[in-house]
Protein backbone atom coordinates (compact mmCIF):
# COMPACT_ATOMS: atom_id res chain seq x y z
CA UNK A 1 29.41 -77.18 -77.95
CA UNK A 2 32.96 -76.31 -77.21
CA UNK A 3 34.19 -74.84 -74.01
CA UNK A 4 34.99 -71.53 -75.70
CA UNK A 5 31.47 -71.08 -77.01
CA UNK A 6 29.94 -72.00 -73.65
CA UNK A 7 32.21 -69.55 -71.84
CA UNK A 8 31.35 -66.75 -74.33
CA UNK A 9 27.62 -67.35 -73.89
CA UNK A 10 27.93 -67.36 -70.14
CA UNK A 11 29.96 -64.15 -70.23
CA UNK A 12 27.46 -62.51 -72.60
CA UNK A 13 24.52 -63.44 -70.38
CA UNK A 14 26.30 -62.03 -67.30
CA UNK A 15 27.09 -58.78 -69.14
CA UNK A 16 23.47 -58.41 -70.26
CA UNK A 17 22.17 -58.91 -66.71
CA UNK A 18 24.64 -56.37 -65.36
CA UNK A 19 23.66 -53.88 -68.05
CA UNK A 20 19.93 -54.29 -67.32
CA UNK A 21 20.49 -54.15 -63.59
CA UNK A 22 22.16 -50.75 -63.99
CA UNK A 23 18.95 -49.41 -65.52
CA UNK A 24 20.53 -48.38 -68.81
CA UNK A 25 18.33 -50.56 -71.00
CA UNK A 26 15.03 -49.88 -69.31
CA UNK A 27 12.35 -48.55 -71.66
CA UNK A 28 9.88 -45.90 -70.53
CA UNK A 29 6.81 -47.45 -68.97
CA UNK A 30 3.19 -46.46 -69.41
CA UNK A 31 2.56 -47.08 -65.70
CA UNK A 32 3.98 -44.35 -63.48
CA UNK A 33 6.55 -45.61 -61.08
CA UNK A 34 5.69 -45.55 -57.39
CA UNK A 35 7.60 -42.89 -55.42
CA UNK A 36 10.64 -44.21 -53.68
CA UNK A 37 10.21 -44.95 -49.99
CA UNK A 38 11.76 -42.28 -47.75
CA UNK A 39 15.20 -43.11 -46.44
CA UNK A 40 15.13 -44.41 -42.87
CA UNK A 41 16.11 -41.91 -40.17
CA UNK A 42 19.69 -42.31 -39.03
CA UNK A 43 20.03 -44.28 -35.83
CA UNK A 44 21.18 -42.48 -32.72
CA UNK A 45 24.89 -42.24 -32.90
CA UNK A 46 26.66 -44.62 -30.59
CA UNK A 47 30.34 -44.50 -29.86
CA UNK A 48 32.25 -46.64 -32.25
CA UNK A 49 34.17 -49.42 -30.61
CA UNK A 50 36.88 -50.90 -32.78
CA UNK A 51 36.59 -54.60 -33.41
CA UNK A 52 39.44 -56.68 -32.03
CA UNK A 53 42.09 -57.71 -34.49
CA UNK A 54 41.68 -61.24 -35.85
CA UNK A 55 42.95 -63.92 -33.50
CA UNK A 56 43.42 -61.40 -30.68
CA UNK A 57 43.15 -63.21 -27.37
CA UNK A 58 43.03 -66.58 -29.10
CA UNK A 59 45.27 -69.50 -29.49
CA UNK A 60 45.00 -71.68 -32.53
CA UNK A 61 41.90 -73.84 -32.31
CA UNK A 62 40.37 -71.97 -29.34
CA UNK A 63 37.33 -69.75 -29.10
CA UNK A 64 37.86 -65.98 -28.81
CA UNK A 65 38.32 -64.76 -25.28
CA UNK A 66 37.45 -61.37 -23.87
CA UNK A 67 39.92 -59.32 -21.85
CA UNK A 68 39.91 -60.09 -18.12
CA UNK A 69 37.32 -58.15 -16.14
CA UNK A 70 38.54 -55.67 -13.57
CA UNK A 71 37.64 -57.00 -10.15
CA UNK A 72 37.03 -54.74 -7.20
CA UNK A 73 37.81 -56.39 -3.89
CA UNK A 74 34.85 -56.48 -1.51
CA UNK A 75 34.84 -53.84 1.18
CA UNK A 76 36.33 -55.18 4.36
CA UNK A 77 33.73 -55.61 7.06
CA UNK A 78 34.55 -53.73 10.24
CA UNK A 79 36.20 -55.91 12.81
CA UNK A 80 34.34 -56.90 15.93
CA UNK A 81 35.82 -57.20 19.39
CA UNK A 82 34.51 -58.44 22.73
CA UNK A 83 35.94 -57.83 26.20
CA UNK A 84 34.95 -58.69 29.76
CA UNK A 85 35.82 -56.28 32.55
CA UNK A 86 35.82 -57.63 36.14
CA UNK A 87 35.20 -54.74 38.54
CA UNK A 88 34.88 -53.92 42.23
CA UNK A 89 34.79 -50.68 44.22
CA UNK A 90 38.61 -50.44 44.17
CA UNK A 91 39.70 -51.59 40.69
CA UNK A 92 38.87 -53.18 37.33
CA UNK A 93 40.68 -55.60 35.09
CA UNK A 94 41.52 -54.75 32.39
CA UNK A 95 41.68 -50.97 32.79
CA UNK A 96 42.90 -50.42 29.21
CA UNK A 97 41.14 -51.65 26.05
CA UNK A 98 42.41 -50.92 22.52
CA UNK A 99 40.19 -51.35 19.44
CA UNK A 100 40.27 -50.49 15.73
CA UNK A 101 38.32 -47.49 14.50
CA UNK A 102 34.96 -48.60 13.09
CA UNK A 103 34.98 -51.89 15.00
CA UNK A 104 31.78 -53.17 16.59
CA UNK A 105 32.76 -53.48 20.26
CA UNK A 106 30.98 -55.36 23.03
CA UNK A 107 32.12 -54.93 26.62
CA UNK A 108 30.64 -57.07 29.39
CA UNK A 109 30.97 -55.47 32.83
CA UNK A 110 31.00 -58.13 35.56
CA UNK A 111 30.68 -56.72 39.10
CA UNK A 112 32.30 -58.82 41.81
CA UNK A 113 30.25 -59.71 44.88
CA UNK A 114 33.21 -59.31 47.18
CA UNK A 115 34.78 -55.87 47.48
CA UNK A 116 31.77 -54.09 45.99
CA UNK A 117 29.09 -52.00 47.72
CA UNK A 118 25.80 -53.96 47.87
CA UNK A 119 24.11 -51.63 45.34
CA UNK A 120 26.58 -52.55 42.56
CA UNK A 121 28.24 -50.16 40.10
CA UNK A 122 27.18 -47.86 37.28
CA UNK A 123 29.71 -47.42 34.40
CA UNK A 124 29.30 -44.08 32.58
CA UNK A 125 31.06 -42.61 29.56
CA UNK A 126 30.57 -40.02 26.81
CA UNK A 127 29.61 -42.85 24.42
CA UNK A 128 27.51 -45.38 26.33
CA UNK A 129 26.38 -46.10 29.91
CA UNK A 130 25.58 -49.42 31.56
CA UNK A 131 23.03 -48.33 34.08
CA UNK A 132 23.15 -50.19 37.38
CA UNK A 133 25.02 -53.50 37.39
CA UNK A 134 24.13 -55.33 40.62
CA UNK A 135 26.83 -57.14 42.57
CA UNK A 136 27.39 -60.70 41.33
CA UNK A 137 25.84 -59.92 37.89
CA UNK A 138 26.99 -58.60 34.55
CA UNK A 139 25.71 -56.32 31.81
CA UNK A 140 26.95 -55.86 28.23
CA UNK A 141 27.06 -52.73 26.09
CA UNK A 142 27.78 -52.60 22.35
CA UNK A 143 28.97 -49.60 20.34
CA UNK A 144 30.88 -48.69 17.20
CA UNK A 145 34.39 -47.46 17.98
CA UNK A 146 34.68 -43.91 16.64
CA UNK A 147 36.76 -42.09 19.26
CA UNK A 148 38.72 -42.83 22.41
CA UNK A 149 36.96 -42.36 25.75
CA UNK A 150 36.87 -43.65 29.34
CA UNK A 151 34.28 -45.40 31.49
CA UNK A 152 34.01 -43.98 34.99
CA UNK A 153 32.41 -46.29 37.58
CA UNK A 154 30.01 -44.73 40.12
CA UNK A 155 27.90 -45.89 42.98
CA UNK A 156 24.49 -46.30 41.33
CA UNK A 157 22.21 -43.24 41.32
CA UNK A 158 24.93 -40.98 42.75
CA UNK A 159 27.76 -38.77 41.57
CA UNK A 160 30.28 -40.59 43.80
CA UNK A 161 32.99 -41.86 41.43
CA UNK A 162 35.25 -44.83 42.11
CA UNK A 163 39.05 -44.27 42.14
CA UNK A 164 39.75 -45.70 38.64
CA UNK A 165 38.64 -45.53 34.99
CA UNK A 166 38.51 -48.01 32.16
CA UNK A 167 40.17 -46.42 29.11
CA UNK A 168 38.97 -47.37 25.59
CA UNK A 169 41.57 -46.37 23.00
CA UNK A 170 40.44 -46.25 19.36
CA UNK A 171 43.21 -46.55 16.75
């Protein structure tokens, strides 16, 4: 068989299959055809996202890469600060403390044995109070810095104030 005859036969067979597949040559059948299955319900519409152009984000010979993710920096933790105040009946050191707003602040009040009434001191403020701090001892208070205020030292269990304050400035 020559190549021309083989090609013609192949072409004829392909044409016949295409013709029969189109349903044009089908003869009526004695068996009723089963009803066509119902069309599937359309899927919920989702937003269409265009596919990236070929080779976008690639170099020759590399795997596709996705665009860089947007990174949110972690929230900065509030600063913490610690101070020690040495106090007596006449003065304190330091008398001025400056802290950042939102900072976790710890102040240790240390009451000197010399120069202090034997009952100790009581440091009071609008934010936090120490209660009685006996002479020669210390007591710490911790608070979150929200507003500026002052500690006023008193003789314990009285309203007799000492002649100084300890100012806490919140910035």
